N, C-alpha and C. Protein backbone atom coordinates (compact mmCIF):
# COMPACT_ATOMS: atom_id res chain seq x y z
N MET A 1 -22.21 66.35 -60.24
CA MET A 1 -21.53 66.32 -58.96
C MET A 1 -20.94 64.93 -58.78
N LEU A 2 -19.72 64.83 -58.37
CA LEU A 2 -19.02 63.58 -58.16
C LEU A 2 -19.05 63.22 -56.68
N VAL A 3 -19.56 62.01 -56.38
CA VAL A 3 -19.63 61.55 -55.00
C VAL A 3 -18.49 60.57 -54.77
N ARG A 4 -17.68 60.86 -53.77
CA ARG A 4 -16.55 59.98 -53.47
C ARG A 4 -17.00 58.88 -52.52
N THR A 5 -16.56 57.69 -52.78
CA THR A 5 -16.89 56.56 -51.90
C THR A 5 -15.80 56.42 -50.84
N ASP A 6 -16.08 55.60 -49.87
CA ASP A 6 -15.10 55.36 -48.80
C ASP A 6 -14.35 54.05 -49.02
N ASP A 7 -14.28 53.56 -50.26
CA ASP A 7 -13.60 52.30 -50.54
C ASP A 7 -12.10 52.38 -50.24
N GLU A 8 -11.50 53.52 -50.46
CA GLU A 8 -10.06 53.65 -50.22
C GLU A 8 -9.72 53.42 -48.76
N VAL A 9 -10.61 53.81 -47.87
CA VAL A 9 -10.36 53.63 -46.45
C VAL A 9 -10.31 52.14 -46.10
N TYR A 10 -11.19 51.37 -46.70
CA TYR A 10 -11.25 49.95 -46.39
C TYR A 10 -10.19 49.13 -47.13
N ARG A 11 -9.66 49.66 -48.20
CA ARG A 11 -8.65 48.92 -48.96
C ARG A 11 -7.29 48.94 -48.28
N VAL A 12 -7.11 49.76 -47.30
CA VAL A 12 -5.85 49.81 -46.58
C VAL A 12 -5.74 48.53 -45.75
N ASP A 13 -4.71 47.77 -46.00
CA ASP A 13 -4.51 46.52 -45.25
C ASP A 13 -3.85 46.84 -43.92
N SER A 14 -4.32 46.16 -42.89
CA SER A 14 -3.65 46.31 -41.60
C SER A 14 -2.46 45.36 -41.60
N VAL A 15 -1.29 45.93 -41.90
CA VAL A 15 -0.08 45.14 -42.13
C VAL A 15 1.00 45.62 -41.16
N TRP A 16 1.70 44.67 -40.58
CA TRP A 16 2.84 45.00 -39.74
C TRP A 16 4.09 44.81 -40.57
N LEU A 17 4.80 45.87 -40.82
CA LEU A 17 5.97 45.80 -41.68
C LEU A 17 7.24 45.50 -40.90
N GLY A 18 7.17 45.52 -39.58
CA GLY A 18 8.35 45.25 -38.77
C GLY A 18 8.85 46.53 -38.11
N PRO A 19 9.91 46.42 -37.35
CA PRO A 19 10.46 47.62 -36.70
C PRO A 19 11.09 48.57 -37.73
N PRO A 20 11.25 49.82 -37.36
CA PRO A 20 11.85 50.77 -38.31
C PRO A 20 13.26 50.34 -38.74
N ARG A 21 13.57 50.48 -40.00
CA ARG A 21 14.85 50.14 -40.62
C ARG A 21 15.17 48.65 -40.59
N ALA A 22 14.20 47.79 -40.18
CA ALA A 22 14.41 46.34 -40.20
C ALA A 22 13.10 45.65 -40.54
N THR A 23 12.55 45.98 -41.67
CA THR A 23 11.24 45.44 -42.04
C THR A 23 11.37 44.03 -42.60
N PHE A 24 10.24 43.32 -42.61
CA PHE A 24 10.21 41.98 -43.19
C PHE A 24 10.35 42.08 -44.70
N PRO A 25 10.88 41.06 -45.33
CA PRO A 25 10.95 41.08 -46.80
C PRO A 25 9.62 40.72 -47.46
N TRP A 26 8.60 40.43 -46.69
CA TRP A 26 7.27 40.13 -47.25
C TRP A 26 6.24 41.05 -46.61
N ARG A 27 5.09 41.08 -47.21
CA ARG A 27 4.01 41.90 -46.71
C ARG A 27 2.83 40.98 -46.44
N ALA A 28 2.41 40.89 -45.19
CA ALA A 28 1.30 40.01 -44.82
C ALA A 28 0.37 40.75 -43.85
N ARG A 29 -0.90 40.50 -44.00
CA ARG A 29 -1.88 41.10 -43.09
C ARG A 29 -1.88 40.36 -41.77
N TYR A 30 -2.45 40.97 -40.76
CA TYR A 30 -2.51 40.34 -39.43
C TYR A 30 -3.25 39.02 -39.48
N VAL A 31 -4.34 38.97 -40.24
CA VAL A 31 -5.13 37.74 -40.29
C VAL A 31 -4.32 36.60 -40.92
N SER A 32 -3.37 36.93 -41.80
CA SER A 32 -2.57 35.88 -42.43
C SER A 32 -1.67 35.17 -41.43
N TYR A 33 -1.19 35.90 -40.43
CA TYR A 33 -0.35 35.26 -39.42
C TYR A 33 -1.17 34.25 -38.60
N GLY A 34 -2.39 34.61 -38.26
CA GLY A 34 -3.26 33.68 -37.52
C GLY A 34 -3.63 32.47 -38.35
N VAL A 35 -4.00 32.70 -39.62
CA VAL A 35 -4.34 31.59 -40.51
C VAL A 35 -3.12 30.70 -40.72
N GLY A 36 -1.95 31.30 -40.90
CA GLY A 36 -0.72 30.52 -41.10
C GLY A 36 -0.38 29.67 -39.90
N LEU A 37 -0.59 30.20 -38.70
CA LEU A 37 -0.32 29.42 -37.49
C LEU A 37 -1.23 28.19 -37.41
N ILE A 38 -2.51 28.40 -37.68
CA ILE A 38 -3.47 27.28 -37.62
C ILE A 38 -3.15 26.24 -38.71
N VAL A 39 -2.84 26.72 -39.92
CA VAL A 39 -2.52 25.80 -41.01
C VAL A 39 -1.25 25.02 -40.70
N MET A 40 -0.24 25.68 -40.12
CA MET A 40 1.02 25.00 -39.78
C MET A 40 0.78 23.90 -38.75
N ILE A 41 -0.05 24.20 -37.75
CA ILE A 41 -0.36 23.18 -36.74
C ILE A 41 -1.08 22.00 -37.38
N LEU A 42 -2.04 22.27 -38.27
CA LEU A 42 -2.77 21.19 -38.93
C LEU A 42 -1.86 20.35 -39.84
N VAL A 43 -0.98 21.00 -40.59
CA VAL A 43 -0.08 20.27 -41.48
C VAL A 43 0.87 19.39 -40.67
N MET A 44 1.40 19.94 -39.59
CA MET A 44 2.32 19.15 -38.76
C MET A 44 1.58 17.98 -38.08
N PHE A 45 0.33 18.21 -37.70
CA PHE A 45 -0.47 17.13 -37.11
C PHE A 45 -0.69 16.01 -38.12
N VAL A 46 -1.02 16.38 -39.35
CA VAL A 46 -1.25 15.37 -40.40
C VAL A 46 0.05 14.61 -40.68
N GLN A 47 1.17 15.31 -40.69
CA GLN A 47 2.44 14.63 -40.90
C GLN A 47 2.72 13.60 -39.81
N ARG A 48 2.45 13.94 -38.58
CA ARG A 48 2.69 12.99 -37.49
C ARG A 48 1.74 11.80 -37.60
N ARG A 49 0.48 12.05 -38.00
CA ARG A 49 -0.49 10.95 -38.15
C ARG A 49 -0.10 10.01 -39.29
N LEU A 50 0.56 10.55 -40.31
CA LEU A 50 1.01 9.72 -41.43
C LEU A 50 2.31 8.98 -41.11
N GLY A 51 2.90 9.28 -39.99
CA GLY A 51 4.13 8.59 -39.60
C GLY A 51 5.39 9.27 -40.07
N ILE A 52 5.29 10.51 -40.52
CA ILE A 52 6.47 11.26 -40.96
C ILE A 52 7.13 11.85 -39.71
N GLY A 53 8.41 11.61 -39.56
CA GLY A 53 9.13 12.06 -38.36
C GLY A 53 9.36 13.57 -38.35
N LEU A 54 9.84 14.07 -37.23
CA LEU A 54 10.11 15.49 -37.06
C LEU A 54 11.59 15.74 -37.35
N ASP A 55 11.89 16.11 -38.60
CA ASP A 55 13.26 16.44 -38.97
C ASP A 55 13.23 17.70 -39.84
N PHE A 56 14.36 18.09 -40.33
CA PHE A 56 14.45 19.34 -41.08
C PHE A 56 13.60 19.31 -42.35
N ILE A 57 13.65 18.20 -43.08
CA ILE A 57 12.92 18.08 -44.35
C ILE A 57 11.41 18.17 -44.12
N SER A 58 10.90 17.47 -43.11
CA SER A 58 9.44 17.49 -42.86
C SER A 58 8.98 18.87 -42.41
N VAL A 59 9.79 19.57 -41.62
CA VAL A 59 9.41 20.92 -41.18
C VAL A 59 9.47 21.89 -42.37
N ALA A 60 10.47 21.73 -43.25
CA ALA A 60 10.56 22.58 -44.44
C ALA A 60 9.36 22.37 -45.35
N TRP A 61 8.97 21.12 -45.56
CA TRP A 61 7.77 20.85 -46.38
C TRP A 61 6.52 21.40 -45.71
N ALA A 62 6.42 21.27 -44.41
CA ALA A 62 5.26 21.81 -43.69
C ALA A 62 5.19 23.32 -43.84
N LEU A 63 6.34 23.99 -43.76
CA LEU A 63 6.38 25.44 -43.93
C LEU A 63 5.99 25.84 -45.35
N LEU A 64 6.47 25.11 -46.34
CA LEU A 64 6.12 25.40 -47.73
C LEU A 64 4.62 25.19 -47.98
N ILE A 65 4.08 24.09 -47.49
CA ILE A 65 2.64 23.84 -47.64
C ILE A 65 1.83 24.90 -46.91
N THR A 66 2.30 25.32 -45.75
CA THR A 66 1.61 26.36 -44.99
C THR A 66 1.58 27.67 -45.75
N ILE A 67 2.68 28.05 -46.37
CA ILE A 67 2.72 29.30 -47.13
C ILE A 67 1.77 29.24 -48.31
N VAL A 68 1.74 28.12 -49.04
CA VAL A 68 0.86 27.98 -50.20
C VAL A 68 -0.61 28.04 -49.77
N VAL A 69 -0.96 27.30 -48.73
CA VAL A 69 -2.37 27.28 -48.29
C VAL A 69 -2.77 28.64 -47.72
N THR A 70 -1.88 29.29 -46.98
CA THR A 70 -2.20 30.59 -46.40
C THR A 70 -2.38 31.64 -47.49
N ARG A 71 -1.56 31.60 -48.51
CA ARG A 71 -1.74 32.55 -49.63
C ARG A 71 -3.03 32.28 -50.37
N PHE A 72 -3.38 31.00 -50.54
CA PHE A 72 -4.64 30.64 -51.21
C PHE A 72 -5.83 31.18 -50.41
N ILE A 73 -5.82 30.97 -49.11
CA ILE A 73 -6.92 31.46 -48.27
C ILE A 73 -6.90 32.98 -48.21
N GLY A 74 -5.69 33.57 -48.15
CA GLY A 74 -5.57 35.03 -48.07
C GLY A 74 -6.10 35.75 -49.29
N LYS A 75 -6.07 35.12 -50.45
CA LYS A 75 -6.61 35.76 -51.66
C LYS A 75 -8.14 35.82 -51.62
N ARG A 76 -8.76 34.98 -50.82
CA ARG A 76 -10.21 34.98 -50.71
C ARG A 76 -10.73 35.83 -49.57
N ILE A 77 -9.83 36.35 -48.76
CA ILE A 77 -10.22 37.17 -47.61
C ILE A 77 -9.88 38.62 -47.91
N ASP A 78 -10.85 39.50 -47.75
CA ASP A 78 -10.60 40.93 -47.85
C ASP A 78 -11.59 41.66 -46.95
N TYR A 79 -11.66 42.97 -47.07
CA TYR A 79 -12.54 43.71 -46.18
C TYR A 79 -14.01 43.46 -46.47
N GLU A 80 -14.34 43.04 -47.69
CA GLU A 80 -15.74 42.75 -48.02
C GLU A 80 -16.14 41.32 -47.63
N ARG A 81 -15.16 40.44 -47.52
CA ARG A 81 -15.43 39.06 -47.16
C ARG A 81 -14.41 38.62 -46.10
N PRO A 82 -14.73 38.83 -44.83
CA PRO A 82 -13.78 38.49 -43.76
C PRO A 82 -13.65 36.97 -43.58
N LEU A 83 -12.66 36.59 -42.78
CA LEU A 83 -12.36 35.17 -42.56
C LEU A 83 -13.56 34.43 -41.97
N SER A 84 -14.28 35.05 -41.05
CA SER A 84 -15.43 34.37 -40.44
C SER A 84 -16.49 34.04 -41.48
N GLN A 85 -16.70 34.92 -42.44
CA GLN A 85 -17.69 34.65 -43.48
C GLN A 85 -17.21 33.53 -44.40
N VAL A 86 -15.92 33.50 -44.71
CA VAL A 86 -15.38 32.44 -45.57
C VAL A 86 -15.51 31.09 -44.88
N LEU A 87 -15.20 31.03 -43.57
CA LEU A 87 -15.32 29.77 -42.83
C LEU A 87 -16.78 29.33 -42.72
N THR A 88 -17.68 30.28 -42.49
CA THR A 88 -19.11 29.93 -42.42
C THR A 88 -19.61 29.42 -43.77
N MET A 89 -19.19 30.06 -44.84
CA MET A 89 -19.59 29.62 -46.17
C MET A 89 -19.05 28.21 -46.46
N PHE A 90 -17.81 27.94 -46.07
CA PHE A 90 -17.23 26.61 -46.26
C PHE A 90 -18.01 25.56 -45.46
N ARG A 91 -18.37 25.89 -44.22
CA ARG A 91 -19.13 24.96 -43.39
C ARG A 91 -20.50 24.67 -44.02
N HIS A 92 -21.16 25.69 -44.54
CA HIS A 92 -22.47 25.49 -45.17
C HIS A 92 -22.35 24.66 -46.45
N GLU A 93 -21.27 24.84 -47.20
CA GLU A 93 -21.07 24.05 -48.41
C GLU A 93 -20.83 22.59 -48.09
N VAL A 94 -20.07 22.32 -47.04
CA VAL A 94 -19.75 20.94 -46.68
C VAL A 94 -20.96 20.24 -46.07
N ALA A 95 -21.69 20.95 -45.20
CA ALA A 95 -22.79 20.31 -44.47
C ALA A 95 -24.15 20.50 -45.14
N GLY A 96 -24.18 21.09 -46.33
CA GLY A 96 -25.45 21.35 -47.00
C GLY A 96 -26.13 20.07 -47.46
N PRO A 97 -27.43 20.14 -47.75
CA PRO A 97 -28.14 18.95 -48.21
C PRO A 97 -27.68 18.54 -49.60
N ARG A 98 -27.59 17.27 -49.81
CA ARG A 98 -27.16 16.71 -51.09
C ARG A 98 -28.24 15.75 -51.59
N PRO A 99 -28.39 15.63 -52.91
CA PRO A 99 -29.35 14.64 -53.42
C PRO A 99 -28.84 13.23 -53.13
N ARG A 100 -29.76 12.35 -52.83
CA ARG A 100 -29.39 10.97 -52.52
C ARG A 100 -29.04 10.25 -53.82
N THR A 101 -27.89 9.59 -53.80
CA THR A 101 -27.46 8.86 -54.99
C THR A 101 -27.68 7.36 -54.85
N SER A 102 -27.87 6.89 -53.63
CA SER A 102 -28.10 5.46 -53.43
C SER A 102 -29.60 5.17 -53.46
N PRO A 103 -29.99 4.03 -53.97
CA PRO A 103 -31.41 3.71 -54.00
C PRO A 103 -31.96 3.54 -52.59
N THR A 104 -33.22 3.94 -52.39
CA THR A 104 -33.82 3.88 -51.06
C THR A 104 -34.65 2.62 -50.86
N GLY A 105 -34.99 1.92 -51.91
CA GLY A 105 -35.81 0.71 -51.78
C GLY A 105 -34.97 -0.52 -51.53
N GLY A 106 -35.62 -1.60 -51.37
CA GLY A 106 -34.93 -2.86 -51.16
C GLY A 106 -35.44 -3.90 -52.13
N PRO A 107 -35.08 -5.14 -51.92
CA PRO A 107 -35.56 -6.19 -52.83
C PRO A 107 -37.06 -6.40 -52.66
N VAL A 108 -37.71 -6.74 -53.75
CA VAL A 108 -39.15 -6.97 -53.74
C VAL A 108 -39.38 -8.45 -53.44
N ARG A 109 -40.16 -8.71 -52.40
CA ARG A 109 -40.47 -10.09 -52.01
C ARG A 109 -41.98 -10.28 -51.97
N SER A 110 -42.40 -11.50 -52.20
CA SER A 110 -43.83 -11.78 -52.20
C SER A 110 -44.21 -12.69 -51.04
N GLY A 111 -43.37 -12.80 -50.03
CA GLY A 111 -43.66 -13.69 -48.91
C GLY A 111 -44.84 -13.23 -48.06
N HIS A 112 -45.17 -11.94 -48.09
CA HIS A 112 -46.26 -11.42 -47.27
C HIS A 112 -47.62 -11.54 -47.97
N VAL A 113 -47.66 -12.00 -49.23
CA VAL A 113 -48.91 -12.12 -49.96
C VAL A 113 -49.51 -13.48 -49.69
N ARG A 114 -50.79 -13.49 -49.25
CA ARG A 114 -51.48 -14.75 -48.96
C ARG A 114 -52.12 -15.27 -50.24
N ILE A 115 -51.83 -16.50 -50.58
CA ILE A 115 -52.37 -17.12 -51.79
C ILE A 115 -53.37 -18.17 -51.35
N THR A 116 -54.61 -18.04 -51.86
CA THR A 116 -55.67 -18.99 -51.52
C THR A 116 -56.21 -19.60 -52.81
N PRO A 117 -56.78 -20.79 -52.72
CA PRO A 117 -57.38 -21.39 -53.92
C PRO A 117 -58.63 -20.61 -54.33
N ALA A 118 -59.02 -20.75 -55.58
CA ALA A 118 -60.20 -20.04 -56.10
C ALA A 118 -61.46 -20.57 -55.42
N ARG A 119 -62.41 -19.66 -55.16
CA ARG A 119 -63.66 -20.06 -54.50
C ARG A 119 -64.62 -20.70 -55.50
N SER A 120 -65.46 -21.50 -54.99
CA SER A 120 -66.47 -22.11 -55.86
C SER A 120 -67.58 -21.11 -56.12
N ALA A 121 -68.43 -21.40 -57.11
CA ALA A 121 -69.51 -20.49 -57.49
C ALA A 121 -70.56 -20.38 -56.39
N ALA A 122 -70.73 -21.42 -55.57
CA ALA A 122 -71.76 -21.40 -54.53
C ALA A 122 -71.37 -20.42 -53.43
N ARG A 123 -70.10 -20.30 -53.13
CA ARG A 123 -69.66 -19.42 -52.05
C ARG A 123 -69.43 -18.01 -52.54
N GLY A 124 -69.34 -17.77 -53.81
CA GLY A 124 -68.93 -16.56 -54.49
C GLY A 124 -69.07 -15.24 -53.76
N ARG A 125 -70.27 -14.65 -53.69
CA ARG A 125 -70.43 -13.28 -53.20
C ARG A 125 -70.37 -13.18 -51.67
N THR A 126 -70.79 -14.18 -50.94
CA THR A 126 -70.74 -14.10 -49.48
C THR A 126 -69.30 -14.13 -48.99
N ALA A 127 -68.46 -14.92 -49.65
CA ALA A 127 -67.05 -14.96 -49.26
C ALA A 127 -66.38 -13.63 -49.61
N GLU A 128 -66.86 -12.99 -50.68
CA GLU A 128 -66.29 -11.69 -51.05
C GLU A 128 -66.60 -10.65 -49.99
N ARG A 129 -67.79 -10.68 -49.42
CA ARG A 129 -68.15 -9.71 -48.37
C ARG A 129 -67.30 -9.95 -47.11
N ARG A 130 -67.00 -11.20 -46.80
CA ARG A 130 -66.20 -11.50 -45.61
C ARG A 130 -64.74 -11.07 -45.79
N THR A 131 -64.24 -11.11 -47.00
CA THR A 131 -62.83 -10.77 -47.21
C THR A 131 -62.62 -9.28 -47.38
N GLY A 132 -63.64 -8.47 -47.25
CA GLY A 132 -63.47 -7.03 -47.31
C GLY A 132 -63.47 -6.48 -48.72
N GLY A 133 -64.12 -7.13 -49.66
CA GLY A 133 -64.25 -6.58 -50.99
C GLY A 133 -63.23 -7.08 -51.99
N ARG A 134 -62.31 -7.97 -51.60
CA ARG A 134 -61.38 -8.51 -52.58
C ARG A 134 -62.12 -9.47 -53.49
N VAL A 135 -61.89 -9.35 -54.75
CA VAL A 135 -62.59 -10.18 -55.72
C VAL A 135 -61.65 -11.25 -56.23
N GLU A 136 -62.05 -12.49 -56.10
CA GLU A 136 -61.30 -13.60 -56.67
C GLU A 136 -62.25 -14.31 -57.63
N TRP A 137 -61.95 -14.27 -58.90
CA TRP A 137 -62.85 -14.77 -59.91
C TRP A 137 -62.74 -16.28 -60.05
N THR A 138 -63.86 -16.89 -60.26
CA THR A 138 -63.90 -18.32 -60.61
C THR A 138 -64.43 -18.42 -62.03
N THR A 139 -64.43 -19.62 -62.57
CA THR A 139 -64.92 -19.78 -63.94
C THR A 139 -66.41 -19.52 -64.03
N ALA A 140 -67.16 -19.81 -63.00
CA ALA A 140 -68.61 -19.55 -63.01
C ALA A 140 -68.86 -18.05 -63.03
N ASP A 141 -68.08 -17.28 -62.26
CA ASP A 141 -68.26 -15.83 -62.24
C ASP A 141 -67.94 -15.22 -63.61
N ARG A 142 -66.93 -15.76 -64.27
CA ARG A 142 -66.55 -15.22 -65.57
C ARG A 142 -67.65 -15.44 -66.60
N SER A 143 -68.26 -16.60 -66.56
CA SER A 143 -69.29 -16.88 -67.57
C SER A 143 -70.52 -16.00 -67.36
N THR A 144 -70.91 -15.75 -66.10
CA THR A 144 -72.08 -14.88 -65.87
C THR A 144 -71.74 -13.44 -66.24
N THR A 145 -70.52 -13.01 -66.04
CA THR A 145 -70.14 -11.64 -66.40
C THR A 145 -70.16 -11.47 -67.90
N ARG A 146 -69.69 -12.47 -68.64
CA ARG A 146 -69.71 -12.38 -70.09
C ARG A 146 -71.14 -12.31 -70.61
N ALA A 147 -72.03 -13.08 -69.99
CA ALA A 147 -73.43 -13.05 -70.43
C ALA A 147 -74.05 -11.69 -70.17
N ALA A 148 -73.72 -11.07 -69.04
CA ALA A 148 -74.28 -9.75 -68.73
C ALA A 148 -73.76 -8.70 -69.69
N TRP A 149 -72.52 -8.78 -70.08
CA TRP A 149 -71.96 -7.80 -71.01
C TRP A 149 -72.50 -7.98 -72.41
N SER A 150 -72.84 -9.20 -72.79
CA SER A 150 -73.37 -9.41 -74.14
C SER A 150 -74.80 -8.88 -74.25
N LYS A 151 -75.53 -8.70 -73.14
CA LYS A 151 -76.91 -8.23 -73.18
C LYS A 151 -77.01 -6.70 -73.06
N ARG A 152 -75.92 -6.00 -72.91
CA ARG A 152 -76.01 -4.55 -72.76
C ARG A 152 -76.38 -3.93 -74.09
N PRO A 153 -77.00 -2.75 -74.06
CA PRO A 153 -77.45 -2.13 -75.31
C PRO A 153 -76.28 -1.70 -76.17
N LYS A 154 -76.43 -1.90 -77.47
CA LYS A 154 -75.41 -1.48 -78.42
C LYS A 154 -75.69 -0.03 -78.76
N GLY A 155 -74.70 0.74 -78.91
CA GLY A 155 -74.88 2.15 -79.23
C GLY A 155 -73.57 2.86 -79.08
N ARG A 156 -73.56 3.76 -78.12
CA ARG A 156 -72.33 4.52 -77.92
C ARG A 156 -71.25 3.63 -77.30
N ALA A 157 -70.05 4.02 -77.58
CA ALA A 157 -68.92 3.26 -77.01
C ALA A 157 -68.82 3.60 -75.52
N ARG A 158 -68.28 2.70 -74.80
CA ARG A 158 -68.13 2.88 -73.37
C ARG A 158 -67.18 4.04 -73.08
N GLY A 159 -67.56 4.94 -72.17
CA GLY A 159 -66.71 6.05 -71.79
C GLY A 159 -66.99 7.32 -72.54
N THR A 160 -67.91 7.32 -73.51
CA THR A 160 -68.23 8.56 -74.24
C THR A 160 -69.55 9.10 -73.75
N ARG A 161 -69.82 10.36 -74.02
CA ARG A 161 -71.07 11.01 -73.55
C ARG A 161 -71.99 11.28 -74.68
């Protein structure tokens, strides 16, 4: 059994051909006239902002640019993808999140680091408790640590089970 789709109904363009016996030499959908009007206004606005005067040549170029842009947009608009969807998609593409290309960090400075002289062996551990656990080694601390490590039992390597 063959099932007919309703695609033919939607493929019919809503086109105004003109009055009887005096039709336009082109075929354009209703939406193309609206898009063309908006594009023409934008092109003429840009021309005025660039300092191009209002004369025959500038209007002819504006009309030519309008026709090209309207045909380009019109090829992307059909019954499956209306103008509102194309504009929404364009807005989402322009305003979508992008990966940051500029570095977020700044220069590294050491001005906030406090530098103090090494503590003597007499003050060693009590000063460490007052500073909140920061360890600053002196030569006396190093020698006692080496002696403690040399007395540890020989056998398995450190870190093995």
